[in-house]
Amino acid sequence: MRAFKTCLGLITLILFGCVSTQSVMYDYDLSVDFDSYSTYVLCSDDMMVIHLDHPKIDNEEARQLVGDAIGNAMEVRGHRTNVFEPQLQAGFRIAINEETAKFNNCEHSDELEYWESCEIHKETYNQETLIAYVANFKTNTVLWQASMPCDLKKNKAQVKSYTVDLINQLFETYPKSKVVQ
């Protein structure tokens, strides 16, 4: 019985480990010394709602939460905000990829044992992706970017901590060695 519980515990641990993994995709310019930058500004254009047809995903509140989390992540990495002479511009995108799947909804007739009707049903799925980036302010070239799938349709109690966690996961890939604690 003890061996069974141990095996069950191990299997559960492995399954939960697989379920909770989300991969962050990132890229950055290897020739850039990120420690040489000290100031940034948050891109104000990224705070404007773009996907008006998806108000549960892309709205002012969600964008403000993401912007605040990015500002905090930049500050933790030793960058201070400077609107007059920024070296970097930090920002984000909320990408929504819509996919429509078609299903056959066939109803079975018990009396005659044949398919009475077969109608096509369409279902639209939205896959959200949060993309964070840091660009050189003067040259307007992206120096670092990271992205991962997300779900911003959470309730108000969950969305703030979820957003902060997302941004923290993205910024774990940010190549600045000096981190302020």
Protein backbone atom coordinates (compact mmCIF):
# COMPACT_ATOMS: atom_id res chain seq x y z
CA MET A 1 0.00 0.00 0.00
CA ARG A 2 2.87 2.37 0.83
CA ALA A 3 4.52 1.70 -2.55
CA PHE A 4 1.19 2.46 -4.26
CA LYS A 5 0.89 5.81 -2.45
CA THR A 6 4.48 6.69 -3.34
CA CYS A 7 3.90 5.86 -7.02
CA LEU A 8 0.61 7.79 -7.03
CA GLY A 9 2.33 10.80 -5.44
CA LEU A 10 5.17 10.66 -7.98
CA ILE A 11 2.75 10.43 -10.92
CA THR A 12 0.71 13.35 -9.57
CA LEU A 13 3.86 15.44 -9.16
CA ILE A 14 4.95 14.70 -12.72
CA LEU A 15 1.50 15.50 -14.14
CA PHE A 16 1.24 18.80 -12.27
CA GLY A 17 4.75 19.68 -13.36
CA CYS A 18 3.81 19.15 -17.01
CA VAL A 19 0.52 21.01 -16.76
CA SER A 20 1.92 24.15 -15.17
CA THR A 21 4.78 24.72 -17.60
CA GLN A 22 4.38 27.57 -20.02
CA SER A 23 7.19 28.44 -22.29
CA VAL A 24 8.41 31.97 -22.69
CA MET A 25 9.73 32.70 -26.15
CA TYR A 26 12.35 35.44 -26.18
CA ASP A 27 15.12 36.97 -28.21
CA TYR A 28 17.61 39.77 -27.68
CA ASP A 29 20.51 41.50 -29.38
CA LEU A 30 23.66 39.73 -28.20
CA SER A 31 25.86 42.72 -29.06
CA VAL A 32 24.06 45.05 -26.62
CA ASP A 33 25.32 45.70 -23.09
CA PHE A 34 22.02 46.03 -21.21
CA ASP A 35 23.86 47.12 -18.06
CA SER A 36 24.93 50.32 -19.83
CA TYR A 37 21.32 51.58 -19.96
CA SER A 38 19.85 53.29 -16.93
CA THR A 39 16.74 55.21 -18.08
CA TYR A 40 13.53 54.23 -19.84
CA VAL A 41 10.09 55.46 -20.72
CA LEU A 42 6.95 53.37 -21.11
CA CYS A 43 5.46 53.59 -24.60
CA SER A 44 2.25 55.58 -24.21
CA ASP A 45 0.80 54.25 -27.48
CA ASP A 46 0.76 50.74 -26.00
CA MET A 47 -1.70 51.92 -23.35
CA MET A 48 -4.42 52.49 -25.98
CA VAL A 49 -6.98 49.70 -26.50
CA ILE A 50 -6.63 48.20 -29.98
CA HIS A 51 -8.86 45.12 -30.05
CA LEU A 52 -12.25 46.79 -29.58
CA ASP A 53 -14.00 43.59 -30.65
CA HIS A 54 -12.51 41.76 -27.62
CA PRO A 55 -13.35 43.97 -24.61
CA LYS A 56 -12.92 41.15 -22.05
CA ILE A 57 -9.32 40.65 -23.20
CA ASP A 58 -8.15 44.09 -24.33
CA ASN A 59 -9.40 46.94 -22.18
CA GLU A 60 -8.05 49.99 -20.36
CA GLU A 61 -7.77 48.20 -17.01
CA ALA A 62 -5.81 45.25 -18.47
CA ARG A 63 -3.45 47.59 -20.31
CA GLN A 64 -2.88 49.68 -17.18
CA LEU A 65 -2.07 46.55 -15.17
CA VAL A 66 0.40 45.35 -17.81
CA GLY A 67 1.98 48.81 -18.10
CA ASP A 68 2.39 49.08 -14.32
CA ALA A 69 3.91 45.59 -14.12
CA ILE A 70 6.38 46.40 -16.90
CA GLY A 71 7.35 49.66 -15.19
CA ASN A 72 7.95 47.76 -11.97
CA ALA A 73 10.01 45.09 -13.77
CA MET A 74 12.18 47.79 -15.36
CA GLU A 75 12.68 49.53 -11.98
CA VAL A 76 13.67 46.24 -10.33
CA ARG A 77 16.32 45.84 -13.01
CA GLY A 78 17.86 49.20 -12.16
CA HIS A 79 16.26 51.33 -14.87
CA ARG A 80 14.64 54.54 -13.74
CA THR A 81 11.98 56.30 -15.72
CA ASN A 82 12.98 59.49 -17.47
CA VAL A 83 10.57 61.13 -19.87
CA PHE A 84 12.99 63.84 -21.01
CA GLU A 85 16.07 61.79 -21.90
CA PRO A 86 15.17 58.08 -21.98
CA GLN A 87 17.67 55.62 -23.36
CA LEU A 88 15.14 52.81 -23.66
CA GLN A 89 11.48 52.48 -24.46
CA ALA A 90 9.60 49.61 -22.81
CA GLY A 91 6.25 48.43 -24.06
CA PHE A 92 3.95 45.55 -24.82
CA ARG A 93 1.46 44.10 -27.26
CA ILE A 94 -1.62 41.99 -26.64
CA ALA A 95 -1.98 39.70 -29.64
CA ILE A 96 -5.23 37.86 -30.25
CA ASN A 97 -5.24 35.05 -32.77
CA GLU A 98 -8.74 33.98 -33.70
CA GLU A 99 -9.32 30.50 -35.01
CA THR A 100 -12.69 29.26 -36.22
CA ALA A 101 -13.35 25.54 -36.10
CA LYS A 102 -16.27 23.88 -37.88
CA PHE A 103 -18.14 20.96 -36.35
CA ASN A 104 -20.80 18.68 -37.72
CA ASN A 105 -23.75 18.53 -35.37
CA CYS A 106 -25.59 15.43 -36.55
CA GLU A 107 -28.81 14.41 -34.83
CA HIS A 108 -29.66 10.72 -34.80
CA SER A 109 -33.21 9.50 -35.39
CA ASP A 110 -34.06 6.46 -33.23
CA GLU A 111 -37.07 5.42 -35.29
CA LEU A 112 -35.43 4.95 -38.65
CA GLU A 113 -31.80 4.50 -37.61
CA TYR A 114 -30.39 7.18 -39.89
CA TRP A 115 -28.96 10.65 -39.51
CA GLU A 116 -31.93 12.98 -39.59
CA SER A 117 -29.99 16.20 -40.09
CA CYS A 118 -26.41 17.26 -40.22
CA GLU A 119 -25.64 20.94 -39.65
CA ILE A 120 -22.32 22.69 -39.48
CA HIS A 121 -21.59 24.46 -36.23
CA LYS A 122 -18.84 27.08 -36.00
CA GLU A 123 -16.90 27.83 -32.84
CA THR A 124 -14.38 30.64 -32.53
CA TYR A 125 -11.42 30.29 -30.18
CA ASN A 126 -9.24 33.19 -29.12
CA GLN A 127 -5.61 32.60 -28.23
CA GLU A 128 -4.07 35.53 -26.44
CA THR A 129 -0.37 36.23 -26.34
CA LEU A 130 1.34 38.89 -24.27
CA ILE A 131 4.48 40.35 -25.81
CA ALA A 132 6.84 42.61 -23.86
CA TYR A 133 9.69 44.49 -25.50
CA VAL A 134 12.47 46.96 -24.82
CA ALA A 135 13.78 49.16 -27.63
CA ASN A 136 16.55 51.70 -28.03
CA PHE A 137 14.70 55.02 -27.81
CA LYS A 138 16.91 56.92 -30.29
CA THR A 139 17.29 54.26 -32.97
CA ASN A 140 13.83 52.73 -32.42
CA THR A 141 15.28 49.21 -32.69
CA VAL A 142 14.02 46.39 -30.51
CA LEU A 143 16.79 45.12 -28.24
CA TRP A 144 14.81 42.46 -26.32
CA GLN A 145 11.39 40.89 -26.62
CA ALA A 146 9.60 38.04 -24.89
CA SER A 147 6.17 36.51 -25.33
CA MET A 148 3.95 33.83 -23.90
CA PRO A 149 0.33 32.70 -24.16
CA CYS A 150 -1.95 34.27 -21.58
CA ASP A 151 -5.56 34.51 -20.42
CA LEU A 152 -6.52 38.07 -19.51
CA LYS A 153 -10.22 37.21 -19.14
CA LYS A 154 -9.82 36.50 -15.44
CA ASN A 155 -11.96 38.17 -12.80
CA LYS A 156 -10.80 41.39 -11.12
CA ALA A 157 -9.55 39.59 -8.01
CA GLN A 158 -7.26 37.33 -10.05
CA VAL A 159 -6.16 39.50 -12.97
CA LYS A 160 -3.74 41.78 -11.08
CA SER A 161 -1.60 39.02 -9.54
CA TYR A 162 -1.85 37.01 -12.78
CA THR A 163 -0.60 39.98 -14.83
CA VAL A 164 2.30 40.67 -12.45
CA ASP A 165 3.26 36.98 -12.59
CA LEU A 166 3.15 37.00 -16.42
CA ILE A 167 5.39 40.06 -16.67
CA ASN A 168 7.80 38.63 -14.09
CA GLN A 169 8.07 35.41 -16.11
CA LEU A 170 8.74 37.40 -19.29
CA PHE A 171 11.34 39.62 -17.60
CA GLU A 172 13.22 36.62 -16.19
CA THR A 173 14.67 36.43 -19.71
CA TYR A 174 15.74 40.10 -19.74
CA PRO A 175 19.55 40.13 -20.10
CA LYS A 176 20.48 42.74 -17.49
CA SER A 177 22.81 41.39 -14.82
CA LYS A 178 22.27 44.13 -12.24
CA VAL A 179 19.00 43.52 -10.43
CA VAL A 180 17.95 45.83 -7.60
CA GLN A 181 16.36 44.01 -4.66
